[in-house]
Amino acid sequence: MAQRRYSKQRELIYEAVRDTSEHPTAETVYRWLKPDNPALSLGTVYRNLNQLADDGSLLRLPFPVERFDANTAPHPHFRCRKCGRVYDLEVLDYDPSLDKIVEKKSGHRIERHELLFTGVCLGCTEKQ
């Protein structure tokens, strides 16, 4: 994890995101940590998540409600339009050749791409 000055709260927030596969919102991280950390504020969670994302320690996912992911390696995501959950899609490898194709055709300097699939997740499909 890239470091600014050490902060116990920042470390707790980072660990909460790192230790889940849920891609939590700031409010979710706050709800998880608040019971054991009564002095923690929602503003502190937002500020630290944004610092961690700016440092490259977390990935900021700009969905309708911003989410965070501790897996900063390029990888695709799936968002369920029924339940709203976000998942990593480990069935598809990141393809850097797409960056080169778009760069060549557009003239833009491409650093990486983000791939998001949207639909209905397996859990919601099974409930139908």
N, C-alpha and C. Protein backbone atom coordinates (compact mmCIF):
# COMPACT_ATOMS: atom_id res chain seq x y z
N MET A 1 0.84 -1.17 0.00
CA MET A 1 0.00 0.00 0.00
C MET A 1 0.89 1.24 0.00
N ALA A 2 0.66 2.16 -0.94
CA ALA A 2 1.42 3.41 -0.97
C ALA A 2 1.09 4.20 0.30
N GLN A 3 2.09 4.85 0.87
CA GLN A 3 1.90 5.49 2.18
C GLN A 3 2.02 7.00 2.13
N ARG A 4 1.10 7.67 2.75
CA ARG A 4 1.28 9.05 3.19
C ARG A 4 1.71 8.87 4.64
N ARG A 5 1.51 9.86 5.47
CA ARG A 5 1.81 9.68 6.88
C ARG A 5 0.89 8.58 7.43
N TYR A 6 1.42 7.71 8.29
CA TYR A 6 0.65 6.59 8.82
C TYR A 6 -0.56 7.08 9.60
N SER A 7 -1.66 6.41 9.42
CA SER A 7 -2.89 6.70 10.15
C SER A 7 -3.57 5.38 10.48
N LYS A 8 -3.86 5.17 11.73
CA LYS A 8 -4.53 3.94 12.17
C LYS A 8 -5.89 3.81 11.49
N GLN A 9 -6.63 4.93 11.39
CA GLN A 9 -7.93 4.87 10.75
C GLN A 9 -7.80 4.52 9.27
N ARG A 10 -6.82 5.10 8.58
CA ARG A 10 -6.61 4.79 7.16
C ARG A 10 -6.29 3.31 6.99
N GLU A 11 -5.47 2.78 7.88
CA GLU A 11 -5.12 1.36 7.82
C GLU A 11 -6.37 0.49 8.03
N LEU A 12 -7.23 0.83 8.99
CA LEU A 12 -8.48 0.08 9.22
C LEU A 12 -9.38 0.13 7.99
N ILE A 13 -9.48 1.30 7.39
CA ILE A 13 -10.33 1.48 6.21
C ILE A 13 -9.78 0.66 5.04
N TYR A 14 -8.47 0.74 4.84
CA TYR A 14 -7.85 -0.04 3.76
C TYR A 14 -8.08 -1.54 3.98
N GLU A 15 -7.87 -2.02 5.19
CA GLU A 15 -8.04 -3.44 5.50
C GLU A 15 -9.49 -3.87 5.27
N ALA A 16 -10.45 -3.01 5.59
CA ALA A 16 -11.86 -3.35 5.38
C ALA A 16 -12.15 -3.59 3.90
N VAL A 17 -11.58 -2.76 3.04
CA VAL A 17 -11.79 -2.94 1.59
C VAL A 17 -10.98 -4.12 1.08
N ARG A 18 -9.76 -4.24 1.55
CA ARG A 18 -8.88 -5.33 1.11
C ARG A 18 -9.45 -6.70 1.45
N ASP A 19 -10.11 -6.80 2.59
CA ASP A 19 -10.54 -8.09 3.09
C ASP A 19 -11.93 -8.51 2.64
N THR A 20 -12.47 -7.83 1.62
CA THR A 20 -13.78 -8.20 1.11
C THR A 20 -13.75 -8.25 -0.41
N SER A 21 -14.69 -8.97 -0.98
CA SER A 21 -14.83 -8.97 -2.44
C SER A 21 -16.06 -8.19 -2.86
N GLU A 22 -16.66 -7.43 -1.92
CA GLU A 22 -17.93 -6.76 -2.18
C GLU A 22 -17.86 -5.44 -2.91
N HIS A 23 -16.70 -4.82 -3.09
CA HIS A 23 -16.60 -3.50 -3.73
C HIS A 23 -17.50 -2.51 -2.97
N PRO A 24 -17.19 -2.26 -1.72
CA PRO A 24 -18.10 -1.47 -0.87
C PRO A 24 -18.12 0.02 -1.20
N THR A 25 -19.23 0.65 -0.86
CA THR A 25 -19.32 2.10 -0.89
C THR A 25 -18.67 2.64 0.38
N ALA A 26 -18.45 3.94 0.43
CA ALA A 26 -17.90 4.56 1.64
C ALA A 26 -18.85 4.34 2.82
N GLU A 27 -20.16 4.45 2.57
CA GLU A 27 -21.14 4.25 3.63
C GLU A 27 -21.08 2.83 4.19
N THR A 28 -20.84 1.85 3.32
CA THR A 28 -20.73 0.46 3.77
C THR A 28 -19.51 0.28 4.65
N VAL A 29 -18.37 0.82 4.23
CA VAL A 29 -17.15 0.73 5.03
C VAL A 29 -17.38 1.38 6.39
N TYR A 30 -18.01 2.53 6.39
CA TYR A 30 -18.33 3.23 7.65
C TYR A 30 -19.20 2.36 8.56
N ARG A 31 -20.24 1.76 7.98
CA ARG A 31 -21.14 0.89 8.77
C ARG A 31 -20.40 -0.30 9.35
N TRP A 32 -19.45 -0.87 8.59
CA TRP A 32 -18.67 -2.02 9.08
C TRP A 32 -17.78 -1.63 10.25
N LEU A 33 -17.15 -0.46 10.16
CA LEU A 33 -16.12 -0.08 11.13
C LEU A 33 -16.65 0.69 12.35
N LYS A 34 -17.77 1.37 12.21
CA LYS A 34 -18.27 2.25 13.27
C LYS A 34 -18.51 1.54 14.60
N PRO A 35 -19.08 0.34 14.64
CA PRO A 35 -19.33 -0.30 15.95
C PRO A 35 -18.08 -0.46 16.82
N ASP A 36 -16.94 -0.78 16.21
CA ASP A 36 -15.70 -0.96 16.96
C ASP A 36 -14.85 0.30 17.02
N ASN A 37 -15.28 1.34 16.32
CA ASN A 37 -14.52 2.60 16.25
C ASN A 37 -15.48 3.78 16.38
N PRO A 38 -16.00 4.00 17.58
CA PRO A 38 -17.05 5.01 17.76
C PRO A 38 -16.63 6.44 17.39
N ALA A 39 -15.35 6.75 17.36
CA ALA A 39 -14.90 8.10 17.01
C ALA A 39 -14.81 8.30 15.49
N LEU A 40 -15.00 7.24 14.72
CA LEU A 40 -14.88 7.31 13.28
C LEU A 40 -16.06 8.08 12.69
N SER A 41 -15.76 9.00 11.77
CA SER A 41 -16.83 9.74 11.09
C SER A 41 -16.91 9.30 9.64
N LEU A 42 -18.07 9.51 9.04
CA LEU A 42 -18.26 9.19 7.63
C LEU A 42 -17.32 10.04 6.77
N GLY A 43 -17.10 11.28 7.15
CA GLY A 43 -16.18 12.15 6.43
C GLY A 43 -14.76 11.60 6.43
N THR A 44 -14.34 11.03 7.55
CA THR A 44 -13.01 10.42 7.65
C THR A 44 -12.91 9.24 6.70
N VAL A 45 -13.96 8.44 6.61
CA VAL A 45 -13.95 7.29 5.70
C VAL A 45 -13.84 7.77 4.26
N TYR A 46 -14.66 8.75 3.87
CA TYR A 46 -14.58 9.28 2.51
C TYR A 46 -13.19 9.84 2.20
N ARG A 47 -12.67 10.66 3.09
CA ARG A 47 -11.37 11.29 2.88
C ARG A 47 -10.27 10.24 2.71
N ASN A 48 -10.27 9.24 3.58
CA ASN A 48 -9.23 8.21 3.52
C ASN A 48 -9.39 7.30 2.30
N LEU A 49 -10.61 6.95 1.93
CA LEU A 49 -10.81 6.15 0.72
C LEU A 49 -10.30 6.91 -0.50
N ASN A 50 -10.59 8.20 -0.56
CA ASN A 50 -10.13 9.00 -1.69
C ASN A 50 -8.60 9.13 -1.70
N GLN A 51 -7.99 9.29 -0.53
CA GLN A 51 -6.52 9.33 -0.46
C GLN A 51 -5.92 8.00 -0.91
N LEU A 52 -6.52 6.90 -0.46
CA LEU A 52 -6.02 5.58 -0.85
C LEU A 52 -6.18 5.36 -2.36
N ALA A 53 -7.27 5.84 -2.93
CA ALA A 53 -7.46 5.72 -4.38
C ALA A 53 -6.46 6.63 -5.12
N ASP A 54 -6.25 7.84 -4.62
CA ASP A 54 -5.29 8.76 -5.24
C ASP A 54 -3.87 8.19 -5.20
N ASP A 55 -3.55 7.47 -4.12
CA ASP A 55 -2.22 6.87 -3.97
C ASP A 55 -2.06 5.59 -4.79
N GLY A 56 -3.15 5.07 -5.35
CA GLY A 56 -3.09 3.83 -6.11
C GLY A 56 -3.24 2.58 -5.27
N SER A 57 -3.58 2.75 -4.00
CA SER A 57 -3.76 1.59 -3.13
C SER A 57 -5.13 0.94 -3.30
N LEU A 58 -6.10 1.73 -3.76
CA LEU A 58 -7.44 1.23 -4.05
C LEU A 58 -7.83 1.68 -5.45
N LEU A 59 -8.78 0.98 -6.02
CA LEU A 59 -9.34 1.35 -7.30
C LEU A 59 -10.69 2.00 -7.04
N ARG A 60 -10.91 3.20 -7.59
CA ARG A 60 -12.19 3.91 -7.45
C ARG A 60 -13.05 3.49 -8.63
N LEU A 61 -14.24 2.99 -8.35
CA LEU A 61 -15.15 2.52 -9.39
C LEU A 61 -16.33 3.48 -9.46
N PRO A 62 -16.42 4.26 -10.52
CA PRO A 62 -17.45 5.30 -10.60
C PRO A 62 -18.81 4.80 -11.08
N PHE A 63 -19.45 3.98 -10.29
CA PHE A 63 -20.81 3.55 -10.59
C PHE A 63 -21.76 4.64 -10.11
N PRO A 64 -23.06 4.45 -10.25
CA PRO A 64 -23.96 5.49 -9.75
C PRO A 64 -23.65 5.89 -8.30
N VAL A 65 -23.25 4.94 -7.50
CA VAL A 65 -22.71 5.22 -6.16
C VAL A 65 -21.27 4.73 -6.20
N GLU A 66 -20.33 5.63 -5.92
CA GLU A 66 -18.91 5.29 -6.02
C GLU A 66 -18.57 4.12 -5.10
N ARG A 67 -17.82 3.16 -5.62
CA ARG A 67 -17.39 1.99 -4.88
C ARG A 67 -15.88 1.91 -4.93
N PHE A 68 -15.30 1.02 -4.10
CA PHE A 68 -13.85 0.90 -4.03
C PHE A 68 -13.45 -0.56 -4.08
N ASP A 69 -12.27 -0.83 -4.65
CA ASP A 69 -11.77 -2.18 -4.83
C ASP A 69 -10.28 -2.19 -4.51
N ALA A 70 -9.85 -3.10 -3.66
CA ALA A 70 -8.44 -3.20 -3.31
C ALA A 70 -7.63 -3.91 -4.38
N ASN A 71 -8.29 -4.55 -5.32
CA ASN A 71 -7.59 -5.19 -6.43
C ASN A 71 -7.37 -4.11 -7.49
N THR A 72 -6.16 -3.55 -7.53
CA THR A 72 -5.88 -2.44 -8.44
C THR A 72 -5.37 -2.90 -9.80
N ALA A 73 -5.17 -4.19 -9.97
CA ALA A 73 -4.78 -4.72 -11.29
C ALA A 73 -5.98 -4.57 -12.23
N PRO A 74 -5.73 -4.25 -13.49
CA PRO A 74 -6.84 -4.13 -14.43
C PRO A 74 -7.63 -5.43 -14.51
N HIS A 75 -8.94 -5.34 -14.34
CA HIS A 75 -9.81 -6.50 -14.44
C HIS A 75 -11.24 -6.04 -14.69
N PRO A 76 -12.06 -6.87 -15.34
CA PRO A 76 -13.44 -6.49 -15.63
C PRO A 76 -14.35 -6.69 -14.42
N HIS A 77 -15.48 -5.97 -14.45
CA HIS A 77 -16.48 -6.05 -13.39
C HIS A 77 -17.85 -6.37 -13.98
N PHE A 78 -18.71 -6.87 -13.12
CA PHE A 78 -20.11 -7.12 -13.46
C PHE A 78 -20.97 -6.42 -12.42
N ARG A 79 -21.97 -5.67 -12.88
CA ARG A 79 -22.90 -5.01 -11.96
C ARG A 79 -24.29 -5.55 -12.24
N CYS A 80 -24.94 -6.08 -11.19
CA CYS A 80 -26.29 -6.62 -11.31
C CYS A 80 -27.29 -5.47 -11.28
N ARG A 81 -28.14 -5.39 -12.29
CA ARG A 81 -29.10 -4.30 -12.35
C ARG A 81 -30.29 -4.54 -11.41
N LYS A 82 -30.42 -5.75 -10.87
CA LYS A 82 -31.50 -6.03 -9.92
C LYS A 82 -31.10 -5.75 -8.48
N CYS A 83 -30.01 -6.37 -8.02
CA CYS A 83 -29.61 -6.21 -6.61
C CYS A 83 -28.55 -5.14 -6.41
N GLY A 84 -27.90 -4.69 -7.49
CA GLY A 84 -26.91 -3.64 -7.40
C GLY A 84 -25.51 -4.09 -7.00
N ARG A 85 -25.33 -5.38 -6.72
CA ARG A 85 -24.00 -5.85 -6.33
C ARG A 85 -23.03 -5.75 -7.49
N VAL A 86 -21.74 -5.63 -7.13
CA VAL A 86 -20.67 -5.54 -8.12
C VAL A 86 -19.69 -6.67 -7.84
N TYR A 87 -19.31 -7.38 -8.89
CA TYR A 87 -18.42 -8.53 -8.77
C TYR A 87 -17.22 -8.35 -9.69
N ASP A 88 -16.08 -8.92 -9.30
CA ASP A 88 -14.97 -9.08 -10.23
C ASP A 88 -15.35 -10.21 -11.18
N LEU A 89 -14.99 -10.04 -12.44
CA LEU A 89 -15.19 -11.12 -13.41
C LEU A 89 -13.83 -11.75 -13.67
N GLU A 90 -13.59 -12.86 -13.03
CA GLU A 90 -12.30 -13.54 -13.15
C GLU A 90 -12.28 -14.50 -14.33
N VAL A 91 -13.36 -14.51 -15.10
CA VAL A 91 -13.45 -15.41 -16.25
C VAL A 91 -12.86 -14.79 -17.52
N LEU A 92 -12.43 -13.53 -17.41
CA LEU A 92 -11.91 -12.83 -18.57
C LEU A 92 -10.64 -12.09 -18.18
N ASP A 93 -9.55 -12.37 -18.87
CA ASP A 93 -8.29 -11.68 -18.59
C ASP A 93 -8.30 -10.30 -19.22
N TYR A 94 -7.55 -9.39 -18.62
CA TYR A 94 -7.36 -8.06 -19.17
C TYR A 94 -6.63 -8.20 -20.50
N ASP A 95 -7.10 -7.50 -21.53
CA ASP A 95 -6.51 -7.63 -22.85
C ASP A 95 -5.86 -6.30 -23.26
N PRO A 96 -4.54 -6.17 -23.08
CA PRO A 96 -3.86 -4.91 -23.42
C PRO A 96 -3.89 -4.60 -24.92
N SER A 97 -4.19 -5.60 -25.74
CA SER A 97 -4.27 -5.32 -27.18
C SER A 97 -5.42 -4.38 -27.49
N LEU A 98 -6.47 -4.36 -26.67
CA LEU A 98 -7.57 -3.41 -26.86
C LEU A 98 -7.07 -1.98 -26.70
N ASP A 99 -6.18 -1.76 -25.74
CA ASP A 99 -5.61 -0.42 -25.54
C ASP A 99 -4.88 0.04 -26.80
N LYS A 100 -4.11 -0.87 -27.37
CA LYS A 100 -3.32 -0.53 -28.57
C LYS A 100 -4.23 -0.25 -29.77
N ILE A 101 -5.29 -1.04 -29.93
CA ILE A 101 -6.23 -0.84 -31.03
C ILE A 101 -6.89 0.54 -30.92
N VAL A 102 -7.40 0.87 -29.74
CA VAL A 102 -8.08 2.15 -29.54
C VAL A 102 -7.09 3.30 -29.69
N GLU A 103 -5.88 3.13 -29.17
CA GLU A 103 -4.87 4.18 -29.29
C GLU A 103 -4.56 4.46 -30.76
N LYS A 104 -4.38 3.40 -31.53
CA LYS A 104 -4.05 3.55 -32.95
C LYS A 104 -5.19 4.22 -33.72
N LYS A 105 -6.43 3.81 -33.43
CA LYS A 105 -7.58 4.34 -34.18
C LYS A 105 -8.00 5.73 -33.73
N SER A 106 -7.77 6.07 -32.46
CA SER A 106 -8.25 7.35 -31.93
C SER A 106 -7.18 8.42 -31.87
N GLY A 107 -5.92 7.99 -31.77
CA GLY A 107 -4.84 8.94 -31.57
C GLY A 107 -4.64 9.32 -30.11
N HIS A 108 -5.53 8.88 -29.23
CA HIS A 108 -5.38 9.14 -27.80
C HIS A 108 -4.29 8.25 -27.22
N ARG A 109 -3.63 8.71 -26.18
CA ARG A 109 -2.67 7.86 -25.47
C ARG A 109 -3.46 7.07 -24.43
N ILE A 110 -3.61 5.80 -24.63
CA ILE A 110 -4.40 4.94 -23.75
C ILE A 110 -3.47 4.33 -22.70
N GLU A 111 -3.86 4.47 -21.44
CA GLU A 111 -3.07 3.88 -20.34
C GLU A 111 -3.66 2.55 -19.89
N ARG A 112 -4.97 2.45 -19.91
CA ARG A 112 -5.66 1.21 -19.56
C ARG A 112 -7.14 1.41 -19.85
N HIS A 113 -7.87 0.33 -19.85
CA HIS A 113 -9.32 0.44 -20.04
C HIS A 113 -10.02 -0.24 -18.87
N GLU A 114 -11.27 0.12 -18.70
CA GLU A 114 -12.12 -0.50 -17.69
C GLU A 114 -13.28 -1.14 -18.42
N LEU A 115 -13.57 -2.35 -18.04
CA LEU A 115 -14.62 -3.09 -18.72
C LEU A 115 -15.69 -3.46 -17.70
N LEU A 116 -16.92 -3.04 -17.99
CA LEU A 116 -18.04 -3.28 -17.08
C LEU A 116 -19.15 -4.00 -17.84
N PHE A 117 -19.55 -5.12 -17.32
CA PHE A 117 -20.69 -5.85 -17.85
C PHE A 117 -21.86 -5.60 -16.91
N THR A 118 -23.04 -5.43 -17.46
CA THR A 118 -24.24 -5.20 -16.67
C THR A 118 -25.29 -6.21 -17.08
N GLY A 119 -26.02 -6.72 -16.10
CA GLY A 119 -27.08 -7.68 -16.37
C GLY A 119 -27.69 -8.14 -15.07
N VAL A 120 -28.12 -9.38 -15.03
CA VAL A 120 -28.72 -9.95 -13.83
C VAL A 120 -27.80 -11.05 -13.33
N CYS A 121 -27.39 -10.96 -12.05
CA CYS A 121 -26.44 -11.92 -11.49
C CYS A 121 -27.09 -13.29 -11.31
N LEU A 122 -26.26 -14.27 -11.09
CA LEU A 122 -26.71 -15.65 -10.91
C LEU A 122 -27.68 -15.76 -9.73
N GLY A 123 -27.36 -15.06 -8.62
CA GLY A 123 -28.24 -15.12 -7.44
C GLY A 123 -29.63 -14.60 -7.73
N CYS A 124 -29.72 -13.48 -8.43
CA CYS A 124 -31.05 -12.92 -8.77
C CYS A 124 -31.76 -13.78 -9.82
N THR A 125 -30.99 -14.35 -10.75
CA THR A 125 -31.59 -15.21 -11.77
C THR A 125 -32.21 -16.44 -11.12
N GLU A 126 -31.51 -17.01 -10.13
CA GLU A 126 -32.02 -18.22 -9.45
C GLU A 126 -33.25 -17.92 -8.62
N LYS A 127 -33.42 -16.68 -8.16
CA LYS A 127 -34.58 -16.29 -7.37
C LYS A 127 -35.84 -16.15 -8.22
N GLN A 128 -35.66 -15.94 -9.53
CA GLN A 128 -36.81 -15.73 -10.44
C GLN A 128 -37.56 -17.01 -10.69
